[in-house]
Amino acid sequence: MNANQITAAAVPKLLGLAAIALLTLVATTKAQVKTQTKVERGPTARSVKVERGEVVYVSGNDLVIKMEDGEIRHFPDVLDTTRFTVDGKGLSIHDLKPGMKLQRTTVTSTTPRMITTVKTVTGKVWHVTPPSSVILTLEDGTNQSFKIAKGQKFTIDGKETDAFGLKKGMNLSATAITEVPETVVSQEVRRTGTMPPPPEAPKADVPILVVVALPAHPPVQSAEAAPKKLPQTASHWPLVGLLGVLFCSLSLAMKALRTTSL
């Protein structure tokens, strides 16, 4: 939280017997010049300005924020002493992270005030050059030269007079009242923010059903069961013929064997 104070002064005004400058002291000593100052303050007016944004970049003391309206603002050379209250914790520029939400609240207080200064000079006239200057002998015995403002009045023995009414040896008392209106402007800056939301937790494993399309195949016809008994498709006549040929061959072989033996 920082506070900056600015004071603006206006043109002085005179009251009663005062001039803009009663007597301007030429000598360095001010032993016989008495000054009283009073300050009156008026009602204070306050205004509040709120700015919000998100940290997009931070490096060293450089900070870049994207404001609510989309404007990108660069804040170079942020002081190490600048504090940001983020989620209740005091952070410095080096603790900021991208994604943080920041808010700057500026409260401006404007207070008018009137500073009234009363200066009193007393002494004995030693020399006068009307209407511009007078030399007074002060209570400590020293002489001081003063410039006389235009229209300045003096009180001598309870009577008012101007510079032309001054004479050597007169005891002089002069009072100047000046009023200076000022405006005091103070600013209080509060920097707050929130951390970026945590990343989403990974979802629990869910079984995934995978459907795989297989190429279509023509249906396979099952083989017909073999019949228990083969159908009779041939007769016994070929076997009879074969046996006949065999017997004939055997007879001829035996005949040839007998012939050889004789």
Protein backbone atom coordinates (compact mmCIF):
# COMPACT_ATOMS: atom_id res chain seq x y z
CA MET A 1 0.00 0.00 0.00
CA ASN A 2 1.57 3.20 -1.20
CA ALA A 3 0.61 6.83 -0.49
CA ASN A 4 1.62 9.74 -2.68
CA GLN A 5 0.93 13.34 -1.67
CA ILE A 6 0.71 16.31 -4.04
CA THR A 7 0.23 19.90 -2.89
CA ALA A 8 -1.03 22.64 -5.24
CA ALA A 9 -0.77 26.26 -4.10
CA ALA A 10 -2.96 29.09 -5.37
CA VAL A 11 -2.42 32.85 -5.44
CA PRO A 12 -2.11 34.41 -1.93
CA LYS A 13 -4.76 36.88 -0.75
CA LEU A 14 -4.70 39.54 1.98
CA LEU A 15 -7.08 40.19 4.82
CA GLY A 16 -7.60 43.43 6.85
CA LEU A 17 -4.40 45.43 7.08
CA ALA A 18 -2.37 42.90 5.09
CA ALA A 19 -0.75 43.31 1.71
CA ILE A 20 0.56 40.56 -0.61
CA ALA A 21 3.90 40.94 1.17
CA LEU A 22 3.87 43.19 4.16
CA LEU A 23 7.59 43.74 4.46
CA THR A 24 10.21 41.77 2.60
CA LEU A 25 13.14 41.28 4.89
CA VAL A 26 16.44 42.28 3.31
CA ALA A 27 18.70 41.54 6.27
CA THR A 28 19.47 37.94 7.07
CA THR A 29 18.40 38.05 10.70
CA LYS A 30 14.71 37.76 11.62
CA ALA A 31 14.91 38.17 15.35
CA GLN A 32 12.00 40.66 15.54
CA VAL A 33 9.78 39.08 12.86
CA LYS A 34 7.20 36.79 14.43
CA THR A 35 5.30 34.31 12.27
CA GLN A 36 2.22 32.27 13.12
CA THR A 37 0.65 29.76 10.76
CA LYS A 38 -2.81 28.20 10.94
CA VAL A 39 -4.17 25.46 8.67
CA GLU A 40 -7.91 24.96 8.13
CA ARG A 41 -9.04 21.86 6.27
CA GLY A 42 -12.23 21.43 4.28
CA PRO A 43 -14.26 18.27 3.62
CA THR A 44 -12.39 15.43 1.91
CA ALA A 45 -13.69 14.00 -1.36
CA ARG A 46 -12.77 10.41 -2.26
CA SER A 47 -12.86 8.52 -5.54
CA VAL A 48 -12.19 4.82 -6.15
CA LYS A 49 -10.74 3.33 -9.34
CA VAL A 50 -10.57 -0.45 -9.82
CA GLU A 51 -8.43 -2.09 -12.53
CA ARG A 52 -8.40 -5.84 -13.17
CA GLY A 53 -6.25 -8.05 -15.36
CA GLU A 54 -4.41 -11.34 -15.78
CA VAL A 55 -0.65 -11.86 -15.65
CA VAL A 56 0.55 -13.03 -19.06
CA TYR A 57 4.30 -12.50 -18.64
CA VAL A 58 6.70 -11.75 -15.82
CA SER A 59 10.49 -11.64 -15.98
CA GLY A 60 12.63 -10.03 -13.32
CA ASN A 61 10.96 -6.71 -12.56
CA ASP A 62 9.04 -6.52 -15.84
CA LEU A 63 5.33 -7.33 -15.72
CA VAL A 64 2.85 -7.65 -18.58
CA ILE A 65 -0.87 -7.81 -17.80
CA LYS A 66 -3.88 -8.32 -20.05
CA MET A 67 -6.58 -5.98 -18.78
CA GLU A 68 -10.30 -6.76 -18.65
CA ASP A 69 -10.94 -4.78 -21.83
CA GLY A 70 -8.27 -6.77 -23.70
CA GLU A 71 -5.56 -4.09 -23.52
CA ILE A 72 -2.02 -5.38 -22.99
CA ARG A 73 -0.17 -3.19 -20.49
CA HIS A 74 3.54 -3.34 -19.72
CA PHE A 75 4.79 -2.35 -16.26
CA PRO A 76 8.60 -2.10 -16.41
CA ASP A 77 10.86 -1.85 -13.37
CA VAL A 78 8.30 -2.82 -10.72
CA LEU A 79 9.91 -2.17 -7.34
CA ASP A 80 10.88 -5.14 -5.19
CA THR A 81 9.04 -3.46 -2.30
CA THR A 82 5.73 -3.47 -4.20
CA ARG A 83 3.45 -5.98 -2.50
CA PHE A 84 0.60 -8.00 -3.98
CA THR A 85 -1.88 -9.69 -1.63
CA VAL A 86 -2.79 -12.88 -3.48
CA ASP A 87 -5.18 -15.26 -1.71
CA GLY A 88 -4.23 -13.63 1.59
CA LYS A 89 -0.46 -13.96 1.07
CA GLY A 90 1.91 -11.04 0.53
CA LEU A 91 3.89 -11.55 -2.68
CA SER A 92 6.54 -9.54 -4.50
CA ILE A 93 7.00 -9.09 -8.24
CA HIS A 94 9.24 -12.17 -8.25
CA ASP A 95 6.43 -14.38 -6.87
CA LEU A 96 3.91 -13.63 -9.61
CA LYS A 97 3.07 -16.31 -12.15
CA PRO A 98 1.25 -16.24 -15.49
CA GLY A 99 -2.44 -16.90 -15.06
CA MET A 100 -2.76 -15.00 -11.78
CA LYS A 101 -5.70 -12.59 -11.59
CA LEU A 102 -4.66 -9.18 -10.22
CA GLN A 103 -6.70 -6.18 -9.09
CA ARG A 104 -5.43 -2.68 -8.35
CA THR A 105 -7.70 -0.44 -6.28
CA THR A 106 -6.71 3.23 -6.16
CA VAL A 107 -8.43 5.44 -3.58
CA THR A 108 -7.84 9.13 -4.26
CA SER A 109 -8.57 11.60 -1.45
CA THR A 110 -8.80 15.32 -2.23
CA THR A 111 -8.77 17.74 0.71
CA PRO A 112 -8.90 21.52 0.31
CA ARG A 113 -7.19 23.58 2.99
CA MET A 114 -6.42 27.20 3.74
CA ILE A 115 -3.03 28.14 5.17
CA THR A 116 -3.17 31.43 7.03
CA THR A 117 0.15 33.07 7.93
CA VAL A 118 0.38 36.03 10.27
CA LYS A 119 3.67 37.97 10.35
CA THR A 120 4.31 40.72 12.88
CA VAL A 121 7.23 43.21 12.79
CA THR A 122 7.97 45.67 15.58
CA GLY A 123 10.72 48.28 15.85
CA LYS A 124 11.65 51.96 15.72
CA VAL A 125 11.87 53.85 12.46
CA TRP A 126 15.50 54.69 11.78
CA HIS A 127 15.07 55.74 8.14
CA VAL A 128 12.21 55.69 5.65
CA THR A 129 12.10 56.03 1.86
CA PRO A 130 8.38 56.21 1.07
CA PRO A 131 6.67 54.38 -0.37
CA SER A 132 9.21 51.61 -1.11
CA SER A 133 11.31 50.86 2.00
CA VAL A 134 11.96 51.48 5.67
CA ILE A 135 14.84 50.75 8.02
CA LEU A 136 13.85 49.73 11.53
CA THR A 137 15.87 49.46 14.69
CA LEU A 138 14.76 46.23 16.29
CA GLU A 139 14.56 45.37 19.98
CA ASP A 140 18.02 43.81 19.93
CA GLY A 141 19.52 47.09 18.65
CA THR A 142 20.17 45.92 15.09
CA ASN A 143 18.93 47.75 12.00
CA GLN A 144 17.06 45.91 9.27
CA SER A 145 15.76 47.12 5.94
CA PHE A 146 12.30 46.09 4.71
CA LYS A 147 10.52 46.60 1.43
CA ILE A 148 7.08 48.15 1.74
CA ALA A 149 4.31 46.63 -0.36
CA LYS A 150 1.94 48.86 -2.26
CA GLY A 151 -0.97 49.97 -0.07
CA GLN A 152 0.71 48.77 3.13
CA LYS A 153 -0.69 50.22 6.36
CA PHE A 154 1.12 50.62 9.67
CA THR A 155 -0.13 50.97 13.25
CA ILE A 156 1.56 53.76 15.21
CA ASP A 157 0.37 54.58 18.71
CA GLY A 158 -2.92 52.84 17.92
CA LYS A 159 -3.46 54.78 14.68
CA GLU A 160 -3.13 53.59 11.09
CA THR A 161 -0.90 55.35 8.58
CA ASP A 162 0.87 54.63 5.32
CA ALA A 163 4.56 54.84 4.37
CA PHE A 164 4.35 58.63 3.95
CA GLY A 165 3.22 58.99 7.56
CA LEU A 166 6.33 57.34 8.97
CA LYS A 167 8.90 59.50 10.74
CA LYS A 168 12.26 58.70 12.27
CA GLY A 169 11.97 57.65 15.90
CA MET A 170 8.41 56.34 15.59
CA ASN A 171 7.67 52.99 17.20
CA LEU A 172 6.19 50.88 14.45
CA SER A 173 4.16 47.71 14.48
CA ALA A 174 3.12 46.10 11.23
CA THR A 175 1.12 42.90 10.71
CA ALA A 176 0.64 40.96 7.48
CA ILE A 177 -1.94 38.21 7.04
CA THR A 178 -1.68 36.02 3.98
CA GLU A 179 -3.99 33.21 2.99
CA VAL A 180 -2.82 30.48 0.63
CA PRO A 181 -5.44 27.99 -0.53
CA GLU A 182 -4.05 24.54 -1.25
CA THR A 183 -5.42 21.23 -2.38
CA VAL A 184 -3.89 18.09 -0.91
CA VAL A 185 -4.32 14.97 -2.99
CA SER A 186 -3.36 11.62 -1.49
CA GLN A 187 -3.54 8.22 -3.14
CA GLU A 188 -3.79 4.82 -1.51
CA VAL A 189 -3.12 1.83 -3.76
CA ARG A 190 -4.15 -1.72 -2.83
CA ARG A 191 -2.98 -4.64 -4.99
CA THR A 192 -4.83 -7.91 -4.56
CA GLY A 193 -5.26 -11.05 -6.63
CA THR A 194 -6.03 -14.74 -6.86
CA MET A 195 -4.02 -17.77 -7.90
CA PRO A 196 -4.77 -19.44 -11.25
CA PRO A 197 -7.18 -22.41 -10.98
CA PRO A 198 -5.45 -25.76 -10.46
CA PRO A 199 -5.19 -28.04 -13.50
CA GLU A 200 -8.01 -30.52 -13.92
CA ALA A 201 -7.38 -33.90 -12.31
CA PRO A 202 -7.01 -36.80 -14.79
CA LYS A 203 -10.18 -38.81 -15.18
CA ALA A 204 -10.36 -42.36 -13.79
CA ASP A 205 -9.56 -45.17 -16.22
CA VAL A 206 -12.68 -46.29 -18.02
CA PRO A 207 -12.73 -49.59 -19.98
CA ILE A 208 -12.92 -48.82 -23.65
CA LEU A 209 -14.80 -51.22 -25.91
CA VAL A 210 -12.99 -51.56 -29.18
CA VAL A 211 -15.02 -52.92 -32.06
CA VAL A 212 -12.91 -54.42 -34.81
CA ALA A 213 -14.56 -55.14 -38.13
CA LEU A 214 -13.42 -58.47 -39.54
CA PRO A 215 -13.54 -59.25 -43.26
CA ALA A 216 -16.57 -61.26 -44.28
CA HIS A 217 -15.98 -64.90 -45.35
CA PRO A 218 -18.42 -67.12 -47.23
CA PRO A 219 -19.96 -69.74 -44.99
CA VAL A 220 -18.15 -73.07 -44.98
CA GLN A 221 -20.42 -75.93 -45.89
CA SER A 222 -19.95 -78.89 -43.63
CA ALA A 223 -18.95 -82.13 -45.36
CA GLU A 224 -21.73 -84.60 -45.80
CA ALA A 225 -21.45 -87.55 -43.52
CA ALA A 226 -20.23 -90.66 -45.30
CA PRO A 227 -22.93 -93.21 -45.69
CA LYS A 228 -22.61 -96.23 -43.42
CA LYS A 229 -22.94 -98.69 -46.35
CA LEU A 230 -21.59 -98.09 -49.79
CA PRO A 231 -24.08 -98.69 -52.55
CA GLN A 232 -23.49 -101.81 -54.66
CA THR A 233 -22.44 -100.63 -58.11
CA ALA A 234 -20.61 -103.77 -59.53
CA SER A 235 -21.44 -107.50 -60.06
CA HIS A 236 -19.43 -110.72 -59.25
CA TRP A 237 -18.84 -111.66 -62.92
CA PRO A 238 -15.48 -109.95 -63.29
CA LEU A 239 -14.15 -111.95 -60.32
CA VAL A 240 -15.37 -115.19 -61.86
CA GLY A 241 -13.66 -114.34 -65.11
CA LEU A 242 -10.42 -113.54 -63.34
CA LEU A 243 -10.48 -116.86 -61.49
CA GLY A 244 -11.09 -118.64 -64.81
CA VAL A 245 -8.08 -117.02 -66.41
CA LEU A 246 -6.00 -117.94 -63.37
CA PHE A 247 -7.03 -121.60 -63.50
CA CYS A 248 -6.33 -121.80 -67.23
CA SER A 249 -2.87 -120.34 -66.74
CA LEU A 250 -2.18 -122.81 -63.97
CA SER A 251 -3.30 -125.77 -66.16
CA LEU A 252 -1.08 -124.78 -69.00
CA ALA A 253 1.87 -124.40 -66.65
CA MET A 254 1.37 -127.90 -65.23
CA LYS A 255 1.04 -129.41 -68.77
CA ALA A 256 4.25 -127.83 -69.84
CA LEU A 257 5.98 -129.14 -66.75
CA ARG A 258 4.92 -132.75 -67.46
CA THR A 259 6.16 -132.55 -70.99
CA THR A 260 9.54 -131.42 -69.87
CA SER A 261 9.80 -134.24 -67.43
CA LEU A 262 9.25 -137.01 -70.05
